[in-house]
Amino acid sequence: MDEQEFAQLNVIPLVDVMLVLLTIVLTTSTFIARGVIPVDLPRASRTHAEAQQKLTIALDRTGTAFVNGLPVSQLALAQRLESLPRSTPVLIRSDRELRLQGFIDVLDLLKGMGFGQVSVQTETVQPGSGASPSGKP
C-alpha cells in the first residue's frame, strides 16, 4: 500500500474552539465593563448605615477634639465613648500640623475602651506633583 500525505487540514475543530473562546471573552468583558454584576437588590425599611451610626472625631491643630462637629474635652470624650457600643465605627480626622501625641492620646483611649473599627481619614496626594497638598515642600 502506498501511504499518502494529508492534502488538506481539517479546520472545523479549530473554529469550534475559537468560537467557544470568543463567547467566554465577550461574556466576561460585559462584567468587567460594568464593574458589577447587575442585581436588583431587595428593599428594607432602613439601611445598614442608618442602623449603625459612625462616630467622627476631629482634632484641630491646637489639639481640641470635636465629636461629630461639637467640641469636647478629653474627659467628655471618654464619657461619650463609654455610652457607645464597641462595634461602632470610629473615623479620626486629624490636622497634620497637630503634635503626634494628641493623636496618639485619642487612639490610645479608643484602644483602651475596646473599639475595634477605627479608621483615619487622609488626603490623597497626586503622584508626581512633588509637593504636599498645602503647597509646602
Protein backbone atom coordinates (compact mmCIF):
# COMPACT_ATOMS: atom_id res chain seq x y z
CA MET A 1 0.00 0.00 0.00
CA ASP A 2 1.02 3.45 -0.75
CA GLU A 3 0.73 5.99 2.09
CA GLN A 4 -0.49 9.41 1.13
CA GLU A 5 0.20 12.67 2.92
CA PHE A 6 -2.65 14.85 4.12
CA ALA A 7 -3.62 17.08 1.26
CA GLN A 8 -5.79 19.31 3.44
CA LEU A 9 -6.13 20.32 7.08
CA ASN A 10 -9.45 19.92 8.90
CA VAL A 11 -10.11 23.34 10.49
CA ILE A 12 -13.62 22.69 11.83
CA PRO A 13 -12.46 21.72 15.37
CA LEU A 14 -10.20 24.81 15.44
CA VAL A 15 -13.15 27.04 14.51
CA ASP A 16 -15.30 25.42 17.24
CA VAL A 17 -12.65 26.10 19.90
CA MET A 18 -12.22 29.69 18.74
CA LEU A 19 -16.00 30.32 18.89
CA VAL A 20 -16.13 28.99 22.47
CA LEU A 21 -13.21 31.24 23.47
CA LEU A 22 -14.86 34.24 21.79
CA THR A 23 -18.10 33.57 23.72
CA ILE A 24 -16.21 33.42 27.02
CA VAL A 25 -14.32 36.65 26.30
CA LEU A 26 -17.48 38.54 25.31
CA THR A 27 -19.37 37.32 28.38
CA THR A 28 -16.66 38.26 30.87
CA SER A 29 -15.93 41.59 29.19
CA THR A 30 -19.53 42.64 29.87
CA PHE A 31 -18.96 42.14 33.62
CA ILE A 32 -15.62 43.94 33.51
CA ALA A 33 -17.00 46.95 31.59
CA ARG A 34 -19.86 47.42 34.04
CA GLY A 35 -17.75 46.69 37.09
CA VAL A 36 -20.53 44.77 38.76
CA ILE A 37 -22.98 42.06 38.03
CA PRO A 38 -26.42 43.65 37.68
CA VAL A 39 -28.55 42.71 40.68
CA ASP A 40 -31.92 44.10 41.69
CA LEU A 41 -31.49 44.42 45.46
CA PRO A 42 -34.32 43.73 47.89
CA ARG A 43 -35.74 46.69 49.79
CA ALA A 44 -35.70 47.29 53.54
CA SER A 45 -37.18 49.94 55.81
CA ARG A 46 -33.71 51.19 56.88
CA THR A 47 -30.25 50.77 55.52
CA HIS A 48 -27.28 49.35 57.44
CA ALA A 49 -25.70 52.80 57.53
CA GLU A 50 -28.78 54.17 59.26
CA ALA A 51 -28.89 51.25 61.68
CA GLN A 52 -25.29 51.73 62.79
CA GLN A 53 -24.13 55.33 63.01
CA LYS A 54 -20.42 56.07 62.82
CA LEU A 55 -18.65 58.42 65.18
CA THR A 56 -16.35 61.09 63.77
CA ILE A 57 -13.62 62.51 65.98
CA ALA A 58 -11.85 65.55 64.54
CA LEU A 59 -8.67 67.00 66.04
CA ASP A 60 -7.64 70.53 65.08
CA ARG A 61 -4.05 71.79 65.11
CA THR A 62 -4.38 73.03 68.72
CA GLY A 63 -5.42 69.57 69.93
CA THR A 64 -9.10 70.36 70.53
CA ALA A 65 -11.29 67.31 69.96
CA PHE A 66 -14.63 67.55 68.16
CA VAL A 67 -17.17 64.72 68.23
CA ASN A 68 -19.50 64.89 65.24
CA GLY A 69 -18.68 68.60 64.95
CA LEU A 70 -19.12 69.56 68.62
CA PRO A 71 -16.06 70.46 70.75
CA VAL A 72 -15.44 68.20 73.75
CA SER A 73 -12.77 67.86 76.43
CA GLN A 74 -10.78 64.64 76.89
CA LEU A 75 -12.99 63.70 79.87
CA ALA A 76 -16.20 64.37 77.93
CA LEU A 77 -14.81 62.35 75.02
CA ALA A 78 -14.20 59.37 77.30
CA GLN A 79 -17.72 59.67 78.75
CA ARG A 80 -19.23 59.89 75.28
CA LEU A 81 -17.31 56.81 74.12
CA GLU A 82 -18.35 54.88 77.25
CA SER A 83 -22.01 55.02 76.24
CA LEU A 84 -21.42 53.67 72.71
CA PRO A 85 -21.33 50.02 71.64
CA ARG A 86 -17.78 48.81 70.96
CA SER A 87 -18.74 47.79 67.42
CA THR A 88 -19.40 51.44 66.45
CA PRO A 89 -17.13 52.51 63.57
CA VAL A 90 -14.94 55.48 64.53
CA LEU A 91 -13.37 57.85 61.99
CA ILE A 92 -10.48 60.04 63.16
CA ARG A 93 -9.79 63.24 61.22
CA SER A 94 -6.63 64.87 62.49
CA ASP A 95 -4.92 68.07 61.36
CA ARG A 96 -1.48 67.20 60.05
CA GLU A 97 0.06 70.08 62.00
CA LEU A 98 -1.16 68.54 65.28
CA ARG A 99 1.54 67.17 67.55
CA LEU A 100 1.63 63.40 67.28
CA GLN A 101 0.95 62.99 71.00
CA GLY A 102 -2.57 64.46 70.69
CA PHE A 103 -3.45 61.92 68.02
CA ILE A 104 -1.91 59.05 69.99
CA ASP A 105 -3.87 60.05 73.12
CA VAL A 106 -7.19 59.71 71.27
CA LEU A 107 -6.10 56.48 69.60
CA ASP A 108 -4.96 55.05 72.94
CA LEU A 109 -8.29 55.99 74.52
CA LEU A 110 -10.19 54.18 71.75
CA LYS A 111 -7.96 51.11 72.01
CA GLY A 112 -8.23 51.03 75.80
CA MET A 113 -12.02 51.14 75.61
CA GLY A 114 -12.15 48.24 73.15
CA PHE A 115 -13.16 49.95 69.90
CA GLY A 116 -12.07 47.77 67.01
CA GLN A 117 -13.35 49.61 63.93
CA VAL A 118 -11.13 52.68 63.92
CA SER A 119 -10.04 54.38 60.71
CA VAL A 120 -8.04 57.51 59.94
CA GLN A 121 -9.05 59.88 57.15
CA THR A 122 -6.25 61.08 54.89
CA GLU A 123 -5.99 63.30 51.84
CA THR A 124 -4.81 61.86 48.54
CA VAL A 125 -1.69 63.43 47.01
CA GLN A 126 -1.37 63.40 43.24
CA PRO A 127 1.60 61.25 42.19
CA GLY A 128 4.48 63.12 40.64
CA SER A 129 3.41 66.51 41.96
CA GLY A 130 6.47 66.69 44.22
CA ALA A 131 4.66 68.87 46.74
CA SER A 132 2.33 68.35 49.62
CA PRO A 133 -1.38 69.28 49.18
CA SER A 134 -0.89 72.58 51.05
CA GLY A 135 1.85 73.64 48.67
CA LYS A 136 4.60 73.34 51.28
CA PRO A 137 7.61 71.24 50.21
